[in-house]
Amino acid sequence: MAFNEFAPIGVLLLLSLLVVLLITFLSRLFGPYRPTTRKTAPYESGMKPIGPAMRRFPVRFYLIAVLFILFDIEVVFFLPWAVVFRKLEVFALIEMFIFIVILLVGYFYAWRKGALEWE
């Protein structure tokens, strides 16, 4: 593989970085910046905040978030399968069935362990 094949991706990354830096600089230069204690206070849906703004979240919250991301990423694999389904015919159907069974085994395991319970 030559460098020429990856040059457009590098140019795109460089241009996007320059646009981000330019927009950030221009917004800081021309935008209003007048912080006050009221503006920098934590906002809780129009109500006075209860307790400190930096509270510890239970580990169960992170576990559910990670499981959501994991199962969400696995669902993304359905799209390429659907695109080439007619070319692969029965083979694709069997492979996707195996994939769904493995996915359901993981889901039921997490469910039985209580990882999906929210208190």
N, C-alpha and C. Protein backbone atom coordinates (compact mmCIF):
# COMPACT_ATOMS: atom_id res chain seq x y z
N MET A 1 0.85 -1.18 0.00
CA MET A 1 0.00 0.00 0.00
C MET A 1 0.89 1.24 0.00
N ALA A 2 0.54 2.13 -0.83
CA ALA A 2 1.32 3.35 -0.97
C ALA A 2 0.70 4.47 -0.15
N PHE A 3 1.51 5.45 0.08
CA PHE A 3 1.04 6.62 0.82
C PHE A 3 -0.05 7.35 0.05
N ASN A 4 -0.01 7.26 -1.27
CA ASN A 4 -0.98 7.97 -2.11
C ASN A 4 -2.41 7.53 -1.84
N GLU A 5 -2.60 6.28 -1.42
CA GLU A 5 -3.95 5.79 -1.16
C GLU A 5 -4.57 6.42 0.07
N PHE A 6 -3.74 6.79 1.05
CA PHE A 6 -4.24 7.36 2.30
C PHE A 6 -4.13 8.88 2.35
N ALA A 7 -3.58 9.48 1.32
CA ALA A 7 -3.42 10.93 1.30
C ALA A 7 -4.74 11.68 1.38
N PRO A 8 -5.80 11.27 0.67
CA PRO A 8 -7.07 12.00 0.80
C PRO A 8 -7.65 11.96 2.22
N ILE A 9 -7.48 10.84 2.91
CA ILE A 9 -7.96 10.75 4.29
C ILE A 9 -7.17 11.69 5.18
N GLY A 10 -5.86 11.76 4.98
CA GLY A 10 -5.03 12.67 5.76
C GLY A 10 -5.39 14.12 5.50
N VAL A 11 -5.65 14.46 4.24
CA VAL A 11 -6.04 15.83 3.89
C VAL A 11 -7.39 16.16 4.54
N LEU A 12 -8.33 15.22 4.49
CA LEU A 12 -9.64 15.43 5.11
C LEU A 12 -9.52 15.64 6.62
N LEU A 13 -8.71 14.83 7.28
CA LEU A 13 -8.50 15.00 8.72
C LEU A 13 -7.85 16.35 9.04
N LEU A 14 -6.88 16.73 8.24
CA LEU A 14 -6.20 18.01 8.46
C LEU A 14 -7.16 19.18 8.24
N LEU A 15 -7.95 19.13 7.18
CA LEU A 15 -8.91 20.20 6.92
C LEU A 15 -9.98 20.28 8.01
N SER A 16 -10.47 19.12 8.48
CA SER A 16 -11.49 19.15 9.53
C SER A 16 -10.90 19.69 10.83
N LEU A 17 -9.65 19.37 11.13
CA LEU A 17 -9.00 19.92 12.32
C LEU A 17 -8.85 21.43 12.20
N LEU A 18 -8.46 21.92 11.02
CA LEU A 18 -8.32 23.36 10.81
C LEU A 18 -9.66 24.08 10.94
N VAL A 19 -10.74 23.47 10.43
CA VAL A 19 -12.07 24.08 10.54
C VAL A 19 -12.49 24.16 11.99
N VAL A 20 -12.26 23.10 12.75
CA VAL A 20 -12.62 23.10 14.18
C VAL A 20 -11.85 24.18 14.92
N LEU A 21 -10.55 24.26 14.69
CA LEU A 21 -9.75 25.27 15.36
C LEU A 21 -10.17 26.69 14.95
N LEU A 22 -10.47 26.89 13.67
CA LEU A 22 -10.89 28.20 13.19
C LEU A 22 -12.22 28.61 13.83
N ILE A 23 -13.19 27.70 13.85
CA ILE A 23 -14.49 28.02 14.44
C ILE A 23 -14.36 28.31 15.93
N THR A 24 -13.55 27.52 16.63
CA THR A 24 -13.35 27.74 18.06
C THR A 24 -12.70 29.10 18.31
N PHE A 25 -11.69 29.43 17.51
CA PHE A 25 -11.01 30.71 17.69
C PHE A 25 -11.94 31.88 17.39
N LEU A 26 -12.69 31.79 16.28
CA LEU A 26 -13.59 32.89 15.91
C LEU A 26 -14.73 33.07 16.92
N SER A 27 -15.26 31.97 17.45
CA SER A 27 -16.33 32.11 18.43
C SER A 27 -15.81 32.72 19.72
N ARG A 28 -14.58 32.41 20.10
CA ARG A 28 -13.99 33.00 21.30
C ARG A 28 -13.66 34.48 21.07
N LEU A 29 -13.26 34.80 19.85
CA LEU A 29 -12.87 36.17 19.53
C LEU A 29 -14.09 37.10 19.41
N PHE A 30 -15.12 36.65 18.71
CA PHE A 30 -16.26 37.52 18.44
C PHE A 30 -17.48 37.27 19.33
N GLY A 31 -17.54 36.14 19.98
CA GLY A 31 -18.71 35.81 20.79
C GLY A 31 -18.67 36.49 22.14
N PRO A 32 -19.84 36.68 22.75
CA PRO A 32 -19.87 37.28 24.08
C PRO A 32 -19.35 36.30 25.12
N TYR A 33 -18.58 36.81 26.05
CA TYR A 33 -18.05 35.99 27.13
C TYR A 33 -18.09 36.80 28.41
N ARG A 34 -19.21 36.69 29.11
CA ARG A 34 -19.38 37.40 30.38
C ARG A 34 -19.88 36.42 31.44
N PRO A 35 -18.98 35.63 32.00
CA PRO A 35 -19.43 34.66 32.99
C PRO A 35 -19.84 35.34 34.30
N THR A 36 -20.91 34.86 34.89
CA THR A 36 -21.34 35.31 36.21
C THR A 36 -21.56 34.07 37.06
N THR A 37 -21.74 34.27 38.35
CA THR A 37 -21.96 33.11 39.21
C THR A 37 -23.26 32.42 38.86
N ARG A 38 -24.26 33.17 38.44
CA ARG A 38 -25.53 32.56 38.07
C ARG A 38 -25.41 31.74 36.77
N LYS A 39 -24.62 32.24 35.82
CA LYS A 39 -24.46 31.52 34.56
C LYS A 39 -23.63 30.25 34.72
N THR A 40 -22.69 30.25 35.62
CA THR A 40 -21.82 29.09 35.79
C THR A 40 -22.36 28.10 36.80
N ALA A 41 -23.50 28.38 37.42
CA ALA A 41 -24.09 27.45 38.38
C ALA A 41 -24.70 26.26 37.65
N PRO A 42 -24.72 25.08 38.30
CA PRO A 42 -25.35 23.92 37.65
C PRO A 42 -26.83 24.15 37.44
N TYR A 43 -27.34 23.65 36.33
CA TYR A 43 -28.74 23.85 35.97
C TYR A 43 -29.48 22.53 36.10
N GLU A 44 -30.54 22.51 36.87
CA GLU A 44 -31.31 21.30 37.11
C GLU A 44 -32.75 21.51 36.67
N SER A 45 -33.00 21.69 35.41
CA SER A 45 -34.35 21.83 34.85
C SER A 45 -35.12 22.98 35.50
N GLY A 46 -34.49 24.08 35.75
CA GLY A 46 -35.16 25.25 36.30
C GLY A 46 -35.34 25.22 37.80
N MET A 47 -34.86 24.18 38.46
CA MET A 47 -35.00 24.08 39.92
C MET A 47 -33.63 24.30 40.57
N LYS A 48 -33.66 24.65 41.81
CA LYS A 48 -32.39 24.78 42.54
C LYS A 48 -31.77 23.39 42.67
N PRO A 49 -30.47 23.29 42.43
CA PRO A 49 -29.82 21.98 42.51
C PRO A 49 -29.84 21.44 43.93
N ILE A 50 -30.03 20.13 44.03
CA ILE A 50 -30.02 19.46 45.33
C ILE A 50 -28.70 18.71 45.44
N GLY A 51 -27.91 19.07 46.41
CA GLY A 51 -26.63 18.40 46.60
C GLY A 51 -25.57 18.96 45.66
N PRO A 52 -24.38 18.38 45.71
CA PRO A 52 -23.28 18.86 44.86
C PRO A 52 -23.50 18.46 43.40
N ALA A 53 -22.90 19.22 42.52
CA ALA A 53 -23.04 18.94 41.08
C ALA A 53 -22.25 17.70 40.68
N MET A 54 -21.18 17.43 41.36
CA MET A 54 -20.34 16.27 41.03
C MET A 54 -20.68 15.12 41.96
N ARG A 55 -21.78 14.41 41.65
CA ARG A 55 -22.17 13.26 42.45
C ARG A 55 -21.60 11.99 41.84
N ARG A 56 -21.41 11.00 42.67
CA ARG A 56 -20.95 9.70 42.19
C ARG A 56 -22.15 8.92 41.68
N PHE A 57 -21.99 8.32 40.52
CA PHE A 57 -23.03 7.48 39.96
C PHE A 57 -22.77 6.04 40.38
N PRO A 58 -23.81 5.28 40.58
CA PRO A 58 -23.59 3.87 40.92
C PRO A 58 -22.97 3.12 39.75
N VAL A 59 -22.25 2.06 40.07
CA VAL A 59 -21.58 1.27 39.04
C VAL A 59 -22.61 0.65 38.10
N ARG A 60 -23.78 0.35 38.60
CA ARG A 60 -24.83 -0.27 37.78
C ARG A 60 -25.19 0.63 36.58
N PHE A 61 -25.12 1.94 36.77
CA PHE A 61 -25.38 2.86 35.65
C PHE A 61 -24.39 2.63 34.53
N TYR A 62 -23.11 2.51 34.86
CA TYR A 62 -22.09 2.30 33.84
C TYR A 62 -22.23 0.91 33.21
N LEU A 63 -22.62 -0.07 33.99
CA LEU A 63 -22.79 -1.41 33.46
C LEU A 63 -23.91 -1.44 32.42
N ILE A 64 -25.02 -0.79 32.72
CA ILE A 64 -26.12 -0.74 31.76
C ILE A 64 -25.71 0.05 30.52
N ALA A 65 -24.96 1.13 30.70
CA ALA A 65 -24.50 1.92 29.55
C ALA A 65 -23.58 1.09 28.65
N VAL A 66 -22.66 0.34 29.24
CA VAL A 66 -21.75 -0.49 28.46
C VAL A 66 -22.51 -1.60 27.74
N LEU A 67 -23.48 -2.20 28.42
CA LEU A 67 -24.28 -3.24 27.77
C LEU A 67 -25.09 -2.67 26.61
N PHE A 68 -25.62 -1.47 26.79
CA PHE A 68 -26.36 -0.83 25.70
C PHE A 68 -25.46 -0.61 24.49
N ILE A 69 -24.28 -0.08 24.72
CA ILE A 69 -23.34 0.16 23.62
C ILE A 69 -22.95 -1.15 22.96
N LEU A 70 -22.69 -2.18 23.76
CA LEU A 70 -22.30 -3.47 23.22
C LEU A 70 -23.38 -4.05 22.32
N PHE A 71 -24.62 -4.09 22.80
CA PHE A 71 -25.70 -4.65 22.00
C PHE A 71 -26.04 -3.74 20.82
N ASP A 72 -25.87 -2.45 20.98
CA ASP A 72 -26.13 -1.52 19.88
C ASP A 72 -25.13 -1.71 18.75
N ILE A 73 -23.88 -1.91 19.10
CA ILE A 73 -22.85 -2.14 18.08
C ILE A 73 -23.09 -3.46 17.37
N GLU A 74 -23.54 -4.46 18.11
CA GLU A 74 -23.81 -5.75 17.47
C GLU A 74 -24.98 -5.65 16.48
N VAL A 75 -25.94 -4.80 16.78
CA VAL A 75 -27.08 -4.63 15.88
C VAL A 75 -26.64 -3.97 14.58
N VAL A 76 -25.58 -3.19 14.61
CA VAL A 76 -25.07 -2.53 13.40
C VAL A 76 -24.66 -3.56 12.34
N PHE A 77 -24.30 -4.77 12.77
CA PHE A 77 -23.90 -5.79 11.82
C PHE A 77 -25.06 -6.33 10.99
N PHE A 78 -26.28 -5.98 11.34
CA PHE A 78 -27.42 -6.42 10.53
C PHE A 78 -27.47 -5.71 9.18
N LEU A 79 -26.99 -4.48 9.09
CA LEU A 79 -27.08 -3.73 7.83
C LEU A 79 -26.24 -4.36 6.72
N PRO A 80 -24.95 -4.64 6.93
CA PRO A 80 -24.19 -5.27 5.84
C PRO A 80 -24.77 -6.63 5.45
N TRP A 81 -25.28 -7.34 6.44
CA TRP A 81 -25.90 -8.63 6.15
C TRP A 81 -27.12 -8.46 5.25
N ALA A 82 -27.92 -7.45 5.53
CA ALA A 82 -29.12 -7.22 4.71
C ALA A 82 -28.75 -6.80 3.29
N VAL A 83 -27.63 -6.08 3.15
CA VAL A 83 -27.23 -5.62 1.82
C VAL A 83 -26.82 -6.79 0.93
N VAL A 84 -26.10 -7.76 1.46
CA VAL A 84 -25.59 -8.88 0.66
C VAL A 84 -26.41 -10.15 0.85
N PHE A 85 -27.58 -10.05 1.43
CA PHE A 85 -28.37 -11.25 1.74
C PHE A 85 -28.73 -12.05 0.50
N ARG A 86 -29.13 -11.39 -0.57
CA ARG A 86 -29.56 -12.11 -1.78
C ARG A 86 -28.40 -12.84 -2.46
N LYS A 87 -27.19 -12.31 -2.33
CA LYS A 87 -26.03 -12.96 -2.95
C LYS A 87 -25.64 -14.23 -2.18
N LEU A 88 -25.79 -14.21 -0.87
CA LEU A 88 -25.34 -15.33 -0.06
C LEU A 88 -26.42 -16.38 0.18
N GLU A 89 -27.66 -16.01 -0.02
CA GLU A 89 -28.82 -16.89 0.08
C GLU A 89 -28.91 -17.60 1.43
N VAL A 90 -28.99 -18.94 1.44
CA VAL A 90 -29.23 -19.71 2.67
C VAL A 90 -28.06 -19.59 3.64
N PHE A 91 -26.85 -19.50 3.12
CA PHE A 91 -25.67 -19.38 3.98
C PHE A 91 -25.78 -18.15 4.88
N ALA A 92 -26.22 -17.03 4.32
CA ALA A 92 -26.37 -15.80 5.10
C ALA A 92 -27.44 -15.96 6.16
N LEU A 93 -28.49 -16.65 5.83
CA LEU A 93 -29.57 -16.86 6.80
C LEU A 93 -29.09 -17.70 7.99
N ILE A 94 -28.34 -18.75 7.71
CA ILE A 94 -27.82 -19.61 8.78
C ILE A 94 -26.81 -18.85 9.63
N GLU A 95 -25.92 -18.10 9.00
CA GLU A 95 -24.92 -17.34 9.74
C GLU A 95 -25.57 -16.28 10.63
N MET A 96 -26.60 -15.60 10.12
CA MET A 96 -27.26 -14.58 10.94
C MET A 96 -28.04 -15.23 12.07
N PHE A 97 -28.60 -16.42 11.83
CA PHE A 97 -29.28 -17.13 12.90
C PHE A 97 -28.29 -17.46 14.02
N ILE A 98 -27.11 -17.94 13.67
CA ILE A 98 -26.08 -18.23 14.67
C ILE A 98 -25.68 -16.96 15.41
N PHE A 99 -25.52 -15.87 14.68
CA PHE A 99 -25.15 -14.59 15.30
C PHE A 99 -26.23 -14.14 16.29
N ILE A 100 -27.49 -14.26 15.90
CA ILE A 100 -28.59 -13.84 16.79
C ILE A 100 -28.66 -14.74 18.02
N VAL A 101 -28.40 -16.02 17.85
CA VAL A 101 -28.41 -16.93 19.00
C VAL A 101 -27.30 -16.54 19.98
N ILE A 102 -26.11 -16.25 19.47
CA ILE A 102 -25.00 -15.82 20.35
C ILE A 102 -25.36 -14.51 21.03
N LEU A 103 -25.96 -13.60 20.32
CA LEU A 103 -26.39 -12.32 20.89
C LEU A 103 -27.43 -12.54 21.98
N LEU A 104 -28.39 -13.41 21.75
CA LEU A 104 -29.42 -13.69 22.75
C LEU A 104 -28.85 -14.41 23.97
N VAL A 105 -27.87 -15.27 23.78
CA VAL A 105 -27.23 -15.93 24.92
C VAL A 105 -26.57 -14.87 25.82
N GLY A 106 -25.88 -13.92 25.22
CA GLY A 106 -25.27 -12.84 26.00
C GLY A 106 -26.31 -11.97 26.69
N TYR A 107 -27.41 -11.71 25.99
CA TYR A 107 -28.48 -10.90 26.56
C TYR A 107 -29.13 -11.61 27.76
N PHE A 108 -29.44 -12.88 27.59
CA PHE A 108 -30.06 -13.62 28.69
C PHE A 108 -29.11 -13.82 29.86
N TYR A 109 -27.82 -13.96 29.56
CA TYR A 109 -26.83 -14.06 30.64
C TYR A 109 -26.81 -12.78 31.47
N ALA A 110 -26.78 -11.64 30.79
CA ALA A 110 -26.79 -10.35 31.50
C ALA A 110 -28.10 -10.17 32.27
N TRP A 111 -29.19 -10.62 31.69
CA TRP A 111 -30.49 -10.51 32.35
C TRP A 111 -30.55 -11.37 33.60
N ARG A 112 -30.07 -12.62 33.51
CA ARG A 112 -30.10 -13.53 34.66
C ARG A 112 -29.16 -13.08 35.77
N LYS A 113 -28.05 -12.45 35.42
CA LYS A 113 -27.12 -11.94 36.42
C LYS A 113 -27.63 -10.67 37.09
N GLY A 114 -28.72 -10.10 36.58
CA GLY A 114 -29.28 -8.89 37.18
C GLY A 114 -28.65 -7.62 36.68
N ALA A 115 -27.90 -7.70 35.57
CA ALA A 115 -27.22 -6.51 35.05
C ALA A 115 -28.19 -5.50 34.48
N LEU A 116 -29.40 -5.92 34.13
CA LEU A 116 -30.37 -5.00 33.53
C LEU A 116 -31.37 -4.45 34.53
N GLU A 117 -31.21 -4.81 35.79
CA GLU A 117 -32.12 -4.29 36.83
C GLU A 117 -31.74 -2.88 37.20
N TRP A 118 -32.73 -2.03 37.29
CA TRP A 118 -32.50 -0.63 37.66
C TRP A 118 -33.25 -0.35 38.96
N GLU A 119 -32.52 0.08 39.97
CA GLU A 119 -33.12 0.28 41.29
C GLU A 119 -33.52 1.72 41.49
